[in-house]
Amino acid sequence: MFKSGRPSGTDTQAEAARLEEYLGPTVAASNLYLEGVEVRVAGSQRTVHVIVDLPEDQTGGVSLDMISEVSRTLSKALDDDPEDSGRPYELEVSSPGVGRPLTAPRHWRRNLGRMVKVRVRQGEDVTGRVLAVDDDAVTVRPDLPARKGMKPKPGEPVRIPFGNIRSGKVEIEFSHLDDELAAAGEPGGTVDLENEEA
């Protein structure tokens, strides 16, 4: 719960963590995965931003219909929150989008078959297609450099332990842009619901 006066970053982080735990079952009941909750405060208004995704065993993206449906159930859950501070809120619900960093094994599993750029801690960075993901590593088939105007050739699969990955990101393939955006639930997929009650 927020203290009186302007909440600090620590307060909003604690509130976000509490809401993530509180709202998790509501999101799961909609057959979605709760990726995270962010809380922002401006004056007397707070914005609760909930990021949802499909379970990792499903392909495609979160549709606007799914976003709209889970927004309604999340709004009711927030209205019924027994630990709520009473501060008016605006609810934003969105999917992660195609540009989100790949930071957890489930993110890599959700992007099986896609082109990714992997920055590693030791060795050379790899750009290639995700072939497999296990508990400890991701296997990528890299694109080998080709002469200008030539299509890159696929190389031998490389297994990269998660501990050696500094960062990972999906690479947009312009020849498949419509498919990429549809699979990521783009554009935006954000629904705002406002609660004006004090």
Protein backbone atom coordinates (compact mmCIF):
# COMPACT_ATOMS: atom_id res chain seq x y z
CA MET A 1 0.00 0.00 0.00
CA PHE A 2 1.27 3.50 -0.79
CA LYS A 3 2.24 5.78 2.04
CA SER A 4 0.91 9.30 2.26
CA GLY A 5 2.64 11.80 -0.01
CA ARG A 6 4.46 10.98 -3.23
CA PRO A 7 5.37 7.27 -3.47
CA SER A 8 9.04 6.48 -3.96
CA GLY A 9 10.45 4.13 -6.57
CA THR A 10 10.74 1.50 -3.85
CA ASP A 11 7.04 1.90 -2.99
CA THR A 12 5.96 1.48 -6.62
CA GLN A 13 8.26 -1.54 -7.07
CA ALA A 14 6.83 -3.15 -3.95
CA GLU A 15 3.30 -2.42 -5.14
CA ALA A 16 4.10 -3.89 -8.58
CA ALA A 17 5.49 -7.05 -6.97
CA ARG A 18 2.41 -7.37 -4.75
CA LEU A 19 0.07 -6.88 -7.71
CA GLU A 20 2.01 -9.40 -9.78
CA GLU A 21 1.34 -12.03 -7.12
CA TYR A 22 -2.27 -10.92 -6.62
CA LEU A 23 -3.17 -10.75 -10.35
CA GLY A 24 -1.30 -13.91 -11.43
CA PRO A 25 -4.25 -16.30 -10.86
CA THR A 26 -6.63 -13.96 -12.75
CA VAL A 27 -4.33 -13.94 -15.78
CA ALA A 28 -3.80 -17.71 -15.58
CA ALA A 29 -7.59 -18.23 -15.51
CA SER A 30 -7.69 -16.52 -18.93
CA ASN A 31 -5.14 -19.06 -20.23
CA LEU A 32 -2.45 -16.37 -20.42
CA TYR A 33 0.92 -15.89 -18.73
CA LEU A 34 1.62 -12.84 -16.55
CA GLU A 35 4.87 -11.40 -17.90
CA GLY A 36 5.03 -8.52 -15.45
CA VAL A 37 3.34 -5.55 -13.75
CA GLU A 38 4.57 -1.96 -13.72
CA VAL A 39 3.14 0.78 -11.52
CA ARG A 40 3.64 4.46 -12.41
CA VAL A 41 2.35 7.37 -10.34
CA ALA A 42 1.71 10.94 -11.51
CA GLY A 43 0.02 13.22 -8.99
CA SER A 44 -3.09 11.53 -7.66
CA GLN A 45 -3.28 9.13 -10.62
CA ARG A 46 -1.56 5.76 -10.86
CA THR A 47 -1.15 3.62 -13.95
CA VAL A 48 -1.07 -0.15 -13.56
CA HIS A 49 0.52 -1.66 -16.68
CA VAL A 50 0.02 -5.44 -16.96
CA ILE A 51 1.98 -7.36 -19.60
CA VAL A 52 0.53 -10.73 -20.64
CA ASP A 53 1.69 -13.39 -23.08
CA LEU A 54 0.55 -16.77 -24.33
CA PRO A 55 1.81 -19.84 -22.47
CA GLU A 56 5.16 -20.98 -23.86
CA ASP A 57 3.66 -24.11 -25.46
CA GLN A 58 1.45 -21.98 -27.74
CA THR A 59 2.43 -20.25 -30.95
CA GLY A 60 1.26 -16.91 -32.28
CA GLY A 61 0.50 -13.77 -30.37
CA VAL A 62 -2.04 -12.40 -27.92
CA SER A 63 -5.05 -11.15 -29.90
CA LEU A 64 -6.86 -7.89 -29.18
CA ASP A 65 -9.92 -9.93 -28.17
CA MET A 66 -7.82 -11.75 -25.54
CA ILE A 67 -6.40 -8.42 -24.32
CA SER A 68 -9.90 -6.96 -24.06
CA GLU A 69 -11.27 -9.97 -22.19
CA VAL A 70 -8.42 -10.21 -19.66
CA SER A 71 -8.58 -6.41 -19.17
CA ARG A 72 -12.17 -6.73 -17.92
CA THR A 73 -11.30 -9.50 -15.45
CA LEU A 74 -8.19 -7.65 -14.26
CA SER A 75 -10.18 -4.46 -13.73
CA LYS A 76 -12.68 -6.35 -11.56
CA ALA A 77 -9.81 -7.96 -9.61
CA LEU A 78 -8.25 -4.53 -8.98
CA ASP A 79 -11.61 -3.12 -7.87
CA ASP A 80 -11.90 -6.03 -5.39
CA ASP A 81 -8.27 -5.82 -4.19
CA PRO A 82 -8.47 -5.94 -0.36
CA GLU A 83 -5.05 -4.27 0.01
CA ASP A 84 -5.69 -1.46 -2.46
CA SER A 85 -4.67 2.05 -1.37
CA GLY A 86 -7.81 3.65 -2.82
CA ARG A 87 -5.79 5.81 -5.22
CA PRO A 88 -7.56 6.10 -8.63
CA TYR A 89 -5.94 3.97 -11.30
CA GLU A 90 -5.75 3.55 -15.04
CA LEU A 91 -5.25 -0.03 -16.20
CA GLU A 92 -3.15 -0.74 -19.28
CA VAL A 93 -2.91 -4.29 -20.59
CA SER A 94 -0.57 -5.23 -23.42
CA SER A 95 1.46 -8.07 -24.89
CA PRO A 96 5.28 -7.88 -24.81
CA GLY A 97 5.69 -7.03 -28.51
CA VAL A 98 8.29 -8.22 -30.95
CA GLY A 99 11.09 -5.97 -29.64
CA ARG A 100 11.16 -7.26 -26.07
CA PRO A 101 14.50 -8.67 -24.89
CA LEU A 102 14.73 -12.45 -24.49
CA THR A 103 15.64 -12.75 -20.83
CA ALA A 104 14.08 -16.04 -19.68
CA PRO A 105 14.00 -19.58 -21.12
CA ARG A 106 10.24 -19.21 -21.79
CA HIS A 107 10.96 -16.21 -24.04
CA TRP A 108 13.30 -18.35 -26.15
CA ARG A 109 10.74 -21.17 -26.32
CA ARG A 110 8.07 -18.73 -27.47
CA ASN A 111 10.39 -17.76 -30.34
CA LEU A 112 11.29 -21.20 -31.67
CA GLY A 113 11.91 -20.95 -35.41
CA ARG A 114 12.52 -17.19 -35.38
CA MET A 115 15.69 -15.31 -36.26
CA VAL A 116 17.45 -13.91 -33.19
CA LYS A 117 20.57 -11.94 -32.37
CA VAL A 118 22.45 -13.35 -29.39
CA ARG A 119 25.15 -11.32 -27.65
CA VAL A 120 27.40 -13.61 -25.65
CA ARG A 121 29.74 -13.04 -22.71
CA GLN A 122 32.53 -15.16 -24.19
CA GLY A 123 33.06 -15.89 -27.88
CA GLU A 124 31.47 -14.37 -30.95
CA ASP A 125 27.91 -13.04 -31.07
CA VAL A 126 25.50 -15.19 -33.08
CA THR A 127 22.64 -14.27 -35.42
CA GLY A 128 20.52 -17.22 -36.49
CA ARG A 129 17.35 -19.24 -36.14
CA VAL A 130 16.26 -20.77 -32.81
CA LEU A 131 16.17 -24.55 -33.26
CA ALA A 132 15.73 -25.82 -29.69
CA VAL A 133 15.57 -24.67 -26.08
CA ASP A 134 16.24 -26.77 -23.00
CA ASP A 135 16.60 -25.90 -19.32
CA ASP A 136 20.23 -24.82 -19.68
CA ALA A 137 20.77 -23.52 -23.21
CA VAL A 138 19.39 -22.41 -26.55
CA THR A 139 20.44 -23.98 -29.86
CA VAL A 140 20.72 -21.60 -32.79
CA ARG A 141 21.53 -22.30 -36.43
CA PRO A 142 23.68 -19.27 -37.39
CA ASP A 143 23.62 -17.48 -40.70
CA LEU A 144 27.05 -17.60 -42.35
CA PRO A 145 28.25 -14.39 -44.00
CA ALA A 146 27.66 -14.33 -47.76
CA ARG A 147 28.78 -12.13 -50.62
CA LYS A 148 26.79 -8.96 -51.20
CA GLY A 149 23.47 -9.73 -52.87
CA MET A 150 23.65 -13.41 -51.91
CA LYS A 151 21.41 -15.05 -49.32
CA PRO A 152 23.29 -16.12 -46.14
CA LYS A 153 23.82 -19.86 -45.85
CA PRO A 154 22.86 -21.70 -42.66
CA GLY A 155 25.78 -22.92 -40.57
CA GLU A 156 26.13 -25.75 -38.09
CA PRO A 157 23.87 -25.48 -35.00
CA VAL A 158 25.45 -23.79 -31.99
CA ARG A 159 24.37 -24.54 -28.41
CA ILE A 160 24.67 -21.45 -26.21
CA PRO A 161 24.32 -21.90 -22.43
CA PHE A 162 22.02 -19.32 -20.81
CA GLY A 163 24.89 -18.37 -18.48
CA ASN A 164 26.90 -17.21 -21.52
CA ILE A 165 24.10 -15.07 -22.99
CA ARG A 166 24.45 -11.36 -22.34
CA SER A 167 21.33 -10.43 -24.30
CA GLY A 168 19.00 -11.79 -26.93
CA LYS A 169 16.57 -10.14 -29.32
CA VAL A 170 14.25 -11.25 -32.12
CA GLU A 171 15.40 -10.04 -35.54
CA ILE A 172 12.58 -8.81 -37.78
CA GLU A 173 12.66 -10.59 -41.12
CA PHE A 174 11.27 -8.10 -43.61
CA SER A 175 10.34 -10.86 -46.05
CA HIS A 176 8.05 -12.19 -43.29
CA LEU A 177 7.12 -8.91 -41.60
CA ASP A 178 3.35 -9.47 -41.61
CA ASP A 179 3.81 -12.94 -40.09
CA GLU A 180 6.24 -11.58 -37.47
CA LEU A 181 3.88 -8.81 -36.37
CA ALA A 182 0.86 -11.12 -36.29
CA ALA A 183 2.79 -13.70 -34.25
CA ALA A 184 3.86 -11.02 -31.78
CA GLY A 185 0.34 -9.66 -31.39
CA GLU A 186 1.36 -6.33 -32.95
CA PRO A 187 0.38 -3.60 -33.34
CA GLY A 188 0.42 -2.57 -29.71
CA GLY A 189 -2.32 -4.71 -28.33
CA THR A 190 -2.93 -2.25 -25.49
CA VAL A 191 -6.27 -1.66 -23.83
CA ASP A 192 -6.73 1.12 -21.27
CA LEU A 193 -9.37 1.00 -18.59
CA GLU A 194 -9.78 3.86 -16.16
CA ASN A 195 -11.10 3.71 -12.62
CA GLU A 196 -12.14 7.13 -11.43
CA GLU A 197 -13.40 6.09 -8.01
CA ALA A 198 -11.41 7.43 -5.10
